[in-house]
Amino acid sequence: MLDKFIALDQDKCQFVYQLINATGATNVVEAGTSFGVSTIYLALAVAQTKAATGKAGTVIATEKEPQKAEIARGYWKQCGSAVEQQIDLRVGDLLETLKTDLPQIDLLLLDIWSALYLPTLKTVLQSLRHGAVILTDNTISGADGYKDLLAYLRDAENGFQNMTLPFTNGFEMSVYLPKASP
């Protein structure tokens, strides 16, 4: 998979950019950075939101393959400090790199191999703020691979409200609204 150029479709990137600005998200986790194209949209939106609100925040980008991470860094450098300064790139197994040092997460973008979706969500679950948005790519075209994740998200006991957005191959939007503890 080292040579696969995997990125969100442009319309999905634009949607996520708008959603970050609309919700005021400043802490975003991207599970699956690949060559970092989608990350540029996330970083620009987070920078804009931070400038408008005065809040701190970051885009935590994850990539397993060091070679892809280096290429992503090169793209971000070309974009300049407005992008580079927003990104905390964590290279390695995301189930390990996301175990510690997480802020309260406003938005989680799942764009990795389907087998990692549910374990990734469970790894960061305690860091999701009430109202956090989880976006999952390819939920129609890859529905078989996402059965466990979608069953988990759609189980009312787990605190998510969901809808499949009308983008190519499916784009699931879930909002984390856990019940208050008694």
N, C-alpha and C. Protein backbone atom coordinates (compact mmCIF):
# COMPACT_ATOMS: atom_id res chain seq x y z
N MET A 1 0.81 -1.20 0.00
CA MET A 1 0.00 0.00 0.00
C MET A 1 0.85 1.27 0.00
N LEU A 2 2.16 1.06 -0.04
CA LEU A 2 3.05 2.22 0.00
C LEU A 2 2.87 3.15 -1.18
N ASP A 3 2.44 2.61 -2.31
CA ASP A 3 2.34 3.43 -3.51
C ASP A 3 0.92 3.88 -3.81
N LYS A 4 -0.03 3.53 -2.99
CA LYS A 4 -1.43 3.88 -3.24
C LYS A 4 -1.69 5.31 -2.78
N PHE A 5 -2.18 6.11 -3.71
CA PHE A 5 -2.52 7.50 -3.40
C PHE A 5 -3.98 7.50 -2.95
N ILE A 6 -4.17 7.54 -1.66
CA ILE A 6 -5.51 7.43 -1.09
C ILE A 6 -5.87 8.75 -0.43
N ALA A 7 -6.94 9.34 -0.89
CA ALA A 7 -7.40 10.60 -0.31
C ALA A 7 -8.91 10.68 -0.43
N LEU A 8 -9.50 11.48 0.41
CA LEU A 8 -10.93 11.75 0.26
C LEU A 8 -11.18 12.43 -1.07
N ASP A 9 -12.35 12.17 -1.62
CA ASP A 9 -12.76 12.90 -2.83
C ASP A 9 -12.82 14.38 -2.50
N GLN A 10 -12.63 15.21 -3.52
CA GLN A 10 -12.59 16.65 -3.30
C GLN A 10 -13.88 17.18 -2.67
N ASP A 11 -15.04 16.67 -3.10
CA ASP A 11 -16.29 17.17 -2.53
C ASP A 11 -16.41 16.80 -1.05
N LYS A 12 -15.88 15.65 -0.67
CA LYS A 12 -15.89 15.28 0.74
C LYS A 12 -14.94 16.18 1.54
N CYS A 13 -13.79 16.48 0.97
CA CYS A 13 -12.84 17.39 1.63
C CYS A 13 -13.47 18.76 1.85
N GLN A 14 -14.17 19.25 0.85
CA GLN A 14 -14.83 20.55 0.97
C GLN A 14 -15.93 20.51 2.02
N PHE A 15 -16.67 19.40 2.08
CA PHE A 15 -17.71 19.25 3.10
C PHE A 15 -17.09 19.27 4.50
N VAL A 16 -16.02 18.50 4.69
CA VAL A 16 -15.37 18.46 6.00
C VAL A 16 -14.83 19.83 6.38
N TYR A 17 -14.25 20.53 5.42
CA TYR A 17 -13.75 21.89 5.66
C TYR A 17 -14.89 22.78 6.16
N GLN A 18 -16.02 22.75 5.48
CA GLN A 18 -17.17 23.56 5.88
C GLN A 18 -17.71 23.13 7.25
N LEU A 19 -17.75 21.82 7.48
CA LEU A 19 -18.27 21.31 8.75
C LEU A 19 -17.39 21.76 9.92
N ILE A 20 -16.10 21.71 9.75
CA ILE A 20 -15.19 22.18 10.81
C ILE A 20 -15.45 23.64 11.12
N ASN A 21 -15.59 24.45 10.09
CA ASN A 21 -15.87 25.87 10.30
C ASN A 21 -17.25 26.08 10.92
N ALA A 22 -18.24 25.33 10.49
CA ALA A 22 -19.61 25.50 10.99
C ALA A 22 -19.74 25.09 12.46
N THR A 23 -19.00 24.05 12.85
CA THR A 23 -19.12 23.55 14.22
C THR A 23 -18.11 24.16 15.18
N GLY A 24 -17.15 24.90 14.65
CA GLY A 24 -16.12 25.47 15.50
C GLY A 24 -15.11 24.45 16.00
N ALA A 25 -14.97 23.36 15.27
CA ALA A 25 -14.03 22.31 15.68
C ALA A 25 -12.59 22.82 15.61
N THR A 26 -11.85 22.55 16.66
CA THR A 26 -10.43 22.92 16.67
C THR A 26 -9.52 21.73 16.94
N ASN A 27 -10.07 20.64 17.43
CA ASN A 27 -9.28 19.43 17.66
C ASN A 27 -9.84 18.31 16.80
N VAL A 28 -9.07 17.97 15.78
CA VAL A 28 -9.50 17.02 14.77
C VAL A 28 -8.49 15.88 14.72
N VAL A 29 -9.00 14.65 14.63
CA VAL A 29 -8.14 13.48 14.44
C VAL A 29 -8.45 12.89 13.08
N GLU A 30 -7.40 12.71 12.29
CA GLU A 30 -7.53 12.06 10.99
C GLU A 30 -6.86 10.69 11.08
N ALA A 31 -7.67 9.65 11.09
CA ALA A 31 -7.16 8.28 11.11
C ALA A 31 -6.95 7.84 9.67
N GLY A 32 -5.71 7.93 9.23
CA GLY A 32 -5.38 7.55 7.86
C GLY A 32 -5.00 8.75 7.02
N THR A 33 -3.80 9.23 7.16
CA THR A 33 -3.36 10.44 6.47
C THR A 33 -2.94 10.17 5.03
N SER A 34 -2.36 9.00 4.78
CA SER A 34 -1.82 8.67 3.46
C SER A 34 -0.81 9.74 3.05
N PHE A 35 -1.01 10.37 1.91
CA PHE A 35 -0.06 11.38 1.43
C PHE A 35 -0.40 12.80 1.89
N GLY A 36 -1.40 12.93 2.77
CA GLY A 36 -1.65 14.20 3.43
C GLY A 36 -2.51 15.22 2.71
N VAL A 37 -3.16 14.83 1.62
CA VAL A 37 -3.97 15.80 0.88
C VAL A 37 -5.19 16.23 1.69
N SER A 38 -5.93 15.27 2.23
CA SER A 38 -7.10 15.61 3.05
C SER A 38 -6.70 16.43 4.27
N THR A 39 -5.53 16.14 4.80
CA THR A 39 -5.03 16.84 5.98
C THR A 39 -4.89 18.33 5.73
N ILE A 40 -4.58 18.70 4.52
CA ILE A 40 -4.45 20.13 4.18
C ILE A 40 -5.78 20.84 4.39
N TYR A 41 -6.86 20.23 3.93
CA TYR A 41 -8.19 20.82 4.15
C TYR A 41 -8.49 20.93 5.64
N LEU A 42 -8.19 19.87 6.39
CA LEU A 42 -8.44 19.88 7.83
C LEU A 42 -7.65 20.99 8.51
N ALA A 43 -6.38 21.10 8.17
CA ALA A 43 -5.51 22.10 8.80
C ALA A 43 -5.95 23.52 8.48
N LEU A 44 -6.33 23.77 7.24
CA LEU A 44 -6.79 25.11 6.87
C LEU A 44 -8.07 25.48 7.62
N ALA A 45 -8.98 24.51 7.74
CA ALA A 45 -10.23 24.78 8.46
C ALA A 45 -9.98 25.00 9.94
N VAL A 46 -9.13 24.18 10.54
CA VAL A 46 -8.82 24.35 11.96
C VAL A 46 -8.14 25.69 12.20
N ALA A 47 -7.22 26.06 11.33
CA ALA A 47 -6.54 27.37 11.47
C ALA A 47 -7.55 28.50 11.41
N GLN A 48 -8.49 28.41 10.49
CA GLN A 48 -9.51 29.45 10.35
C GLN A 48 -10.39 29.51 11.60
N THR A 49 -10.79 28.36 12.10
CA THR A 49 -11.63 28.32 13.30
C THR A 49 -10.87 28.86 14.51
N LYS A 50 -9.61 28.48 14.65
CA LYS A 50 -8.80 28.98 15.76
C LYS A 50 -8.67 30.49 15.70
N ALA A 51 -8.45 31.03 14.52
CA ALA A 51 -8.31 32.48 14.36
C ALA A 51 -9.61 33.19 14.72
N ALA A 52 -10.74 32.60 14.37
CA ALA A 52 -12.03 33.23 14.63
C ALA A 52 -12.45 33.13 16.09
N THR A 53 -12.06 32.04 16.77
CA THR A 53 -12.54 31.80 18.13
C THR A 53 -11.50 32.08 19.21
N GLY A 54 -10.23 32.11 18.83
CA GLY A 54 -9.18 32.27 19.82
C GLY A 54 -8.87 31.01 20.59
N LYS A 55 -9.49 29.90 20.22
CA LYS A 55 -9.25 28.63 20.90
C LYS A 55 -7.96 27.98 20.40
N ALA A 56 -7.39 27.15 21.24
CA ALA A 56 -6.25 26.32 20.82
C ALA A 56 -6.80 25.11 20.09
N GLY A 57 -5.93 24.43 19.37
CA GLY A 57 -6.36 23.21 18.69
C GLY A 57 -5.30 22.68 17.77
N THR A 58 -5.55 21.49 17.26
CA THR A 58 -4.59 20.84 16.37
C THR A 58 -5.29 19.79 15.52
N VAL A 59 -4.66 19.42 14.44
CA VAL A 59 -5.07 18.28 13.63
C VAL A 59 -4.07 17.17 13.96
N ILE A 60 -4.56 16.10 14.54
CA ILE A 60 -3.71 14.94 14.80
C ILE A 60 -3.88 14.01 13.60
N ALA A 61 -2.83 13.88 12.83
CA ALA A 61 -2.84 13.05 11.63
C ALA A 61 -2.07 11.77 11.93
N THR A 62 -2.58 10.65 11.44
CA THR A 62 -1.92 9.37 11.69
C THR A 62 -1.57 8.70 10.37
N GLU A 63 -0.40 8.11 10.32
CA GLU A 63 0.02 7.35 9.13
C GLU A 63 0.96 6.24 9.57
N LYS A 64 0.66 5.03 9.15
CA LYS A 64 1.47 3.88 9.52
C LYS A 64 2.79 3.83 8.76
N GLU A 65 2.75 4.20 7.49
CA GLU A 65 3.92 4.06 6.61
C GLU A 65 4.82 5.30 6.68
N PRO A 66 6.05 5.16 7.17
CA PRO A 66 6.95 6.31 7.26
C PRO A 66 7.20 7.01 5.92
N GLN A 67 7.24 6.25 4.83
CA GLN A 67 7.48 6.86 3.51
C GLN A 67 6.33 7.79 3.12
N LYS A 68 5.11 7.35 3.37
CA LYS A 68 3.96 8.20 3.08
C LYS A 68 3.97 9.44 3.97
N ALA A 69 4.34 9.25 5.23
CA ALA A 69 4.39 10.37 6.16
C ALA A 69 5.37 11.44 5.67
N GLU A 70 6.50 11.02 5.16
CA GLU A 70 7.49 11.98 4.64
C GLU A 70 6.96 12.72 3.42
N ILE A 71 6.26 12.03 2.55
CA ILE A 71 5.67 12.69 1.38
C ILE A 71 4.62 13.70 1.84
N ALA A 72 3.80 13.30 2.82
CA ALA A 72 2.78 14.21 3.36
C ALA A 72 3.44 15.46 3.94
N ARG A 73 4.49 15.28 4.70
CA ARG A 73 5.21 16.43 5.27
C ARG A 73 5.70 17.37 4.17
N GLY A 74 6.15 16.80 3.07
CA GLY A 74 6.60 17.62 1.94
C GLY A 74 5.47 18.46 1.35
N TYR A 75 4.30 17.85 1.20
CA TYR A 75 3.14 18.61 0.70
C TYR A 75 2.77 19.73 1.67
N TRP A 76 2.78 19.42 2.96
CA TRP A 76 2.41 20.42 3.96
C TRP A 76 3.41 21.56 3.97
N LYS A 77 4.68 21.23 3.79
CA LYS A 77 5.71 22.27 3.74
C LYS A 77 5.47 23.19 2.55
N GLN A 78 5.08 22.63 1.41
CA GLN A 78 4.77 23.44 0.23
C GLN A 78 3.61 24.40 0.51
N CYS A 79 2.69 23.98 1.37
CA CYS A 79 1.54 24.82 1.72
C CYS A 79 1.93 25.94 2.67
N GLY A 80 3.02 25.78 3.37
CA GLY A 80 3.49 26.82 4.27
C GLY A 80 3.10 26.60 5.72
N SER A 81 3.52 27.53 6.54
CA SER A 81 3.32 27.39 7.98
C SER A 81 1.85 27.41 8.38
N ALA A 82 1.00 28.04 7.58
CA ALA A 82 -0.43 28.06 7.91
C ALA A 82 -0.99 26.65 8.01
N VAL A 83 -0.42 25.73 7.25
CA VAL A 83 -0.83 24.32 7.31
C VAL A 83 0.06 23.56 8.28
N GLU A 84 1.37 23.65 8.10
CA GLU A 84 2.32 22.87 8.90
C GLU A 84 2.12 23.03 10.41
N GLN A 85 1.89 24.25 10.85
CA GLN A 85 1.78 24.53 12.29
C GLN A 85 0.55 23.91 12.94
N GLN A 86 -0.41 23.50 12.14
CA GLN A 86 -1.65 22.95 12.69
C GLN A 86 -1.58 21.45 12.93
N ILE A 87 -0.56 20.78 12.39
CA ILE A 87 -0.56 19.32 12.31
C ILE A 87 0.41 18.67 13.29
N ASP A 88 -0.12 17.70 14.01
CA ASP A 88 0.66 16.81 14.87
C ASP A 88 0.62 15.44 14.18
N LEU A 89 1.67 15.11 13.42
CA LEU A 89 1.71 13.85 12.68
C LEU A 89 2.26 12.75 13.58
N ARG A 90 1.49 11.68 13.69
CA ARG A 90 1.89 10.53 14.49
C ARG A 90 2.09 9.34 13.55
N VAL A 91 3.32 8.91 13.44
CA VAL A 91 3.68 7.83 12.52
C VAL A 91 3.79 6.52 13.29
N GLY A 92 3.15 5.49 12.75
CA GLY A 92 3.18 4.17 13.37
C GLY A 92 1.77 3.62 13.48
N ASP A 93 1.62 2.62 14.31
CA ASP A 93 0.33 1.96 14.53
C ASP A 93 -0.59 2.93 15.27
N LEU A 94 -1.64 3.36 14.62
CA LEU A 94 -2.51 4.37 15.23
C LEU A 94 -3.19 3.88 16.49
N LEU A 95 -3.35 2.57 16.64
CA LEU A 95 -3.94 2.06 17.87
C LEU A 95 -3.00 2.28 19.05
N GLU A 96 -1.74 2.50 18.77
CA GLU A 96 -0.76 2.87 19.80
C GLU A 96 -0.57 4.38 19.87
N THR A 97 -0.43 5.04 18.71
CA THR A 97 -0.12 6.48 18.72
C THR A 97 -1.29 7.32 19.21
N LEU A 98 -2.50 6.77 19.18
CA LEU A 98 -3.66 7.53 19.65
C LEU A 98 -4.07 7.17 21.09
N LYS A 99 -3.27 6.36 21.76
CA LYS A 99 -3.60 5.98 23.13
C LYS A 99 -3.34 7.09 24.14
N THR A 100 -2.44 8.01 23.81
CA THR A 100 -2.05 9.04 24.78
C THR A 100 -2.01 10.41 24.13
N ASP A 101 -1.98 11.41 24.98
CA ASP A 101 -1.83 12.81 24.55
C ASP A 101 -2.89 13.25 23.56
N LEU A 102 -4.14 12.94 23.87
CA LEU A 102 -5.24 13.40 23.03
C LEU A 102 -5.97 14.55 23.71
N PRO A 103 -6.29 15.58 22.96
CA PRO A 103 -7.16 16.63 23.50
C PRO A 103 -8.60 16.12 23.45
N GLN A 104 -9.51 16.93 23.90
CA GLN A 104 -10.92 16.61 23.71
C GLN A 104 -11.21 16.75 22.22
N ILE A 105 -11.66 15.68 21.60
CA ILE A 105 -11.80 15.63 20.14
C ILE A 105 -13.15 16.17 19.70
N ASP A 106 -13.09 17.10 18.73
CA ASP A 106 -14.31 17.66 18.14
C ASP A 106 -14.76 16.88 16.92
N LEU A 107 -13.80 16.36 16.16
CA LEU A 107 -14.12 15.66 14.91
C LEU A 107 -13.10 14.56 14.67
N LEU A 108 -13.61 13.39 14.30
CA LEU A 108 -12.77 12.24 13.97
C LEU A 108 -13.09 11.84 12.54
N LEU A 109 -12.08 11.80 11.69
CA LEU A 109 -12.24 11.36 10.31
C LEU A 109 -11.61 9.98 10.18
N LEU A 110 -12.44 8.99 9.86
CA LEU A 110 -11.98 7.62 9.67
C LEU A 110 -11.83 7.35 8.18
N ASP A 111 -10.60 7.26 7.73
CA ASP A 111 -10.32 7.01 6.31
C ASP A 111 -9.13 6.06 6.20
N ILE A 112 -9.30 4.90 6.84
CA ILE A 112 -8.25 3.88 6.89
C ILE A 112 -8.85 2.56 6.44
N TRP A 113 -8.14 1.47 6.62
CA TRP A 113 -8.67 0.15 6.27
C TRP A 113 -9.79 -0.20 7.22
N SER A 114 -10.84 -0.79 6.67
CA SER A 114 -12.07 -1.04 7.42
C SER A 114 -11.85 -1.83 8.70
N ALA A 115 -10.91 -2.74 8.72
CA ALA A 115 -10.67 -3.54 9.93
C ALA A 115 -10.22 -2.68 11.11
N LEU A 116 -9.71 -1.49 10.84
CA LEU A 116 -9.21 -0.61 11.91
C LEU A 116 -10.24 0.41 12.38
N TYR A 117 -11.35 0.54 11.68
CA TYR A 117 -12.32 1.59 12.02
C TYR A 117 -12.83 1.48 13.45
N LEU A 118 -13.41 0.34 13.79
CA LEU A 118 -13.99 0.19 15.13
C LEU A 118 -12.92 0.22 16.22
N PRO A 119 -11.80 -0.49 16.08
CA PRO A 119 -10.76 -0.36 17.11
C PRO A 119 -10.26 1.08 17.29
N THR A 120 -10.18 1.82 16.19
CA THR A 120 -9.74 3.22 16.29
C THR A 120 -10.77 4.05 17.06
N LEU A 121 -12.03 3.89 16.71
CA LEU A 121 -13.09 4.61 17.42
C LEU A 121 -13.04 4.30 18.91
N LYS A 122 -12.91 3.03 19.25
CA LYS A 122 -12.87 2.65 20.67
C LYS A 122 -11.62 3.19 21.37
N THR A 123 -10.52 3.32 20.64
CA THR A 123 -9.29 3.86 21.22
C THR A 123 -9.46 5.32 21.62
N VAL A 124 -10.18 6.09 20.83
CA VAL A 124 -10.32 7.53 21.10
C VAL A 124 -11.63 7.89 21.78
N LEU A 125 -12.50 6.92 22.00
CA LEU A 125 -13.85 7.19 22.50
C LEU A 125 -13.88 8.07 23.74
N GLN A 126 -13.01 7.82 24.70
CA GLN A 126 -13.02 8.59 25.95
C GLN A 126 -12.61 10.04 25.74
N SER A 127 -12.01 10.34 24.60
CA SER A 127 -11.58 11.71 24.31
C SER A 127 -12.58 12.48 23.45
N LEU A 128 -13.64 11.80 23.00
CA LEU A 128 -14.65 12.50 22.20
C LEU A 128 -15.49 13.40 23.09
N ARG A 129 -15.65 14.64 22.68
CA ARG A 129 -16.53 15.53 23.44
C ARG A 129 -17.98 15.22 23.10
N HIS A 130 -18.88 15.61 23.96
CA HIS A 130 -20.30 15.51 23.67
C HIS A 130 -20.57 16.34 22.42
N GLY A 131 -21.17 15.75 21.41
CA GLY A 131 -21.44 16.44 20.16
C GLY A 131 -20.34 16.28 19.12
N ALA A 132 -19.30 15.50 19.43
CA ALA A 132 -18.23 15.27 18.45
C ALA A 132 -18.81 14.59 17.21
N VAL A 133 -18.22 14.91 16.08
CA VAL A 133 -18.65 14.35 14.80
C VAL A 133 -17.64 13.29 14.37
N ILE A 134 -18.16 12.14 13.95
CA ILE A 134 -17.32 11.08 13.39
C ILE A 134 -17.74 10.93 11.94
N LEU A 135 -16.77 11.05 11.04
CA LEU A 135 -17.02 10.89 9.61
C LEU A 135 -16.29 9.64 9.14
N THR A 136 -17.02 8.77 8.45
CA THR A 136 -16.47 7.50 8.00
C THR A 136 -16.64 7.40 6.49
N ASP A 137 -15.53 7.23 5.78
CA ASP A 137 -15.56 7.19 4.32
C ASP A 137 -15.90 5.79 3.79
N ASN A 138 -16.52 5.77 2.62
CA ASN A 138 -16.80 4.55 1.84
C ASN A 138 -17.72 3.56 2.53
N THR A 139 -18.72 4.05 3.25
CA THR A 139 -19.60 3.15 4.00
C THR A 139 -20.64 2.45 3.13
N ILE A 140 -20.81 2.87 1.91
CA ILE A 140 -21.71 2.14 1.00
C ILE A 140 -20.90 1.14 0.18
N SER A 141 -19.86 1.62 -0.49
CA SER A 141 -19.06 0.73 -1.33
C SER A 141 -18.34 -0.33 -0.51
N GLY A 142 -18.02 -0.03 0.71
CA GLY A 142 -17.31 -0.99 1.57
C GLY A 142 -18.16 -1.51 2.70
N ALA A 143 -19.47 -1.53 2.53
CA ALA A 143 -20.39 -1.87 3.61
C ALA A 143 -20.06 -3.20 4.30
N ASP A 144 -19.68 -4.20 3.53
CA ASP A 144 -19.36 -5.49 4.15
C ASP A 144 -18.21 -5.38 5.14
N GLY A 145 -17.22 -4.59 4.80
CA GLY A 145 -16.07 -4.42 5.68
C GLY A 145 -16.36 -3.57 6.91
N TYR A 146 -17.46 -2.83 6.87
CA TYR A 146 -17.79 -1.90 7.95
C TYR A 146 -18.93 -2.39 8.84
N LYS A 147 -19.32 -3.65 8.69
CA LYS A 147 -20.47 -4.16 9.45
C LYS A 147 -20.34 -3.92 10.95
N ASP A 148 -19.19 -4.28 11.50
CA ASP A 148 -19.00 -4.13 12.95
C ASP A 148 -19.07 -2.68 13.39
N LEU A 149 -18.39 -1.81 12.65
CA LEU A 149 -18.41 -0.38 12.99
C LEU A 149 -19.81 0.18 12.90
N LEU A 150 -20.49 -0.08 11.78
CA LEU A 150 -21.83 0.48 11.59
C LEU A 150 -22.81 -0.07 12.62
N ALA A 151 -22.69 -1.35 12.97
CA ALA A 151 -23.56 -1.91 14.02
C ALA A 151 -23.30 -1.20 15.34
N TYR A 152 -22.04 -0.94 15.65
CA TYR A 152 -21.69 -0.25 16.89
C TYR A 152 -22.24 1.18 16.89
N LEU A 153 -22.02 1.90 15.81
CA LEU A 153 -22.49 3.28 15.73
C LEU A 153 -24.01 3.37 15.78
N ARG A 154 -24.68 2.39 15.22
CA ARG A 154 -26.14 2.44 15.12
C ARG A 154 -26.85 1.81 16.31
N ASP A 155 -26.10 1.27 17.25
CA ASP A 155 -26.67 0.76 18.49
C ASP A 155 -26.91 1.95 19.41
N ALA A 156 -28.16 2.25 19.69
CA ALA A 156 -28.52 3.44 20.47
C ALA A 156 -27.82 3.48 21.83
N GLU A 157 -27.49 2.34 22.39
CA GLU A 157 -26.82 2.30 23.69
C GLU A 157 -25.43 2.93 23.65
N ASN A 158 -24.84 3.03 22.48
CA ASN A 158 -23.49 3.57 22.37
C ASN A 158 -23.45 5.09 22.20
N GLY A 159 -24.61 5.72 22.05
CA GLY A 159 -24.67 7.17 22.11
C GLY A 159 -24.42 7.93 20.81
N PHE A 160 -24.58 7.28 19.68
CA PHE A 160 -24.36 7.96 18.40
C PHE A 160 -25.66 8.13 17.64
N GLN A 161 -25.79 9.27 16.98
CA GLN A 161 -26.87 9.48 16.01
C GLN A 161 -26.22 9.55 14.64
N ASN A 162 -26.80 8.86 13.67
CA ASN A 162 -26.11 8.61 12.41
C ASN A 162 -26.96 8.92 11.20
N MET A 163 -26.25 9.23 10.12
CA MET A 163 -26.89 9.30 8.81
C MET A 163 -25.82 9.08 7.74
N THR A 164 -26.24 8.46 6.65
CA THR A 164 -25.34 8.28 5.52
C THR A 164 -25.55 9.45 4.58
N LEU A 165 -24.49 10.18 4.33
CA LEU A 165 -24.57 11.36 3.46
C LEU A 165 -24.46 10.93 2.01
N PRO A 166 -25.10 11.66 1.11
CA PRO A 166 -25.16 11.26 -0.30
C PRO A 166 -23.91 11.63 -1.11
N PHE A 167 -22.79 11.05 -0.73
CA PHE A 167 -21.54 11.22 -1.46
C PHE A 167 -21.18 9.90 -2.14
N THR A 168 -20.38 9.96 -3.17
CA THR A 168 -19.93 8.76 -3.86
C THR A 168 -19.35 7.76 -2.88
N ASN A 169 -19.79 6.53 -2.97
CA ASN A 169 -19.33 5.40 -2.14
C ASN A 169 -19.77 5.49 -0.68
N GLY A 170 -20.50 6.52 -0.31
CA GLY A 170 -21.01 6.65 1.05
C GLY A 170 -20.07 7.41 1.97
N PHE A 171 -20.66 8.18 2.83
CA PHE A 171 -19.92 8.98 3.81
C PHE A 171 -20.84 9.07 5.03
N GLU A 172 -20.50 8.31 6.06
CA GLU A 172 -21.34 8.25 7.25
C GLU A 172 -20.98 9.39 8.19
N MET A 173 -21.99 10.07 8.69
CA MET A 173 -21.80 11.12 9.67
C MET A 173 -22.49 10.68 10.95
N SER A 174 -21.72 10.60 12.02
CA SER A 174 -22.24 10.19 13.31
C SER A 174 -21.92 11.29 14.31
N VAL A 175 -22.88 11.58 15.18
CA VAL A 175 -22.68 12.59 16.22
C VAL A 175 -22.74 11.87 17.56
N TYR A 176 -21.73 12.12 18.38
CA TYR A 176 -21.63 11.46 19.68
C TYR A 176 -22.44 12.23 20.72
N LEU A 177 -23.53 11.61 21.15
CA LEU A 177 -24.42 12.21 22.14
C LEU A 177 -24.70 11.19 23.24
N PRO A 178 -23.69 10.90 24.05
CA PRO A 178 -23.88 9.88 25.08
C PRO A 178 -24.86 10.34 26.14
N LYS A 179 -25.52 9.36 26.73
CA LYS A 179 -26.44 9.66 27.82
C LYS A 179 -25.63 10.12 29.04
N ALA A 180 -26.20 11.04 29.78
CA ALA A 180 -25.54 11.52 31.00
C ALA A 180 -25.47 10.38 32.01
N SER A 181 -24.39 10.31 32.74
CA SER A 181 -24.24 9.29 33.78
C SER A 181 -25.13 9.66 34.96
N PRO A 182 -25.78 8.64 35.55
CA PRO A 182 -26.66 8.94 36.70
C PRO A 182 -25.89 9.34 37.93
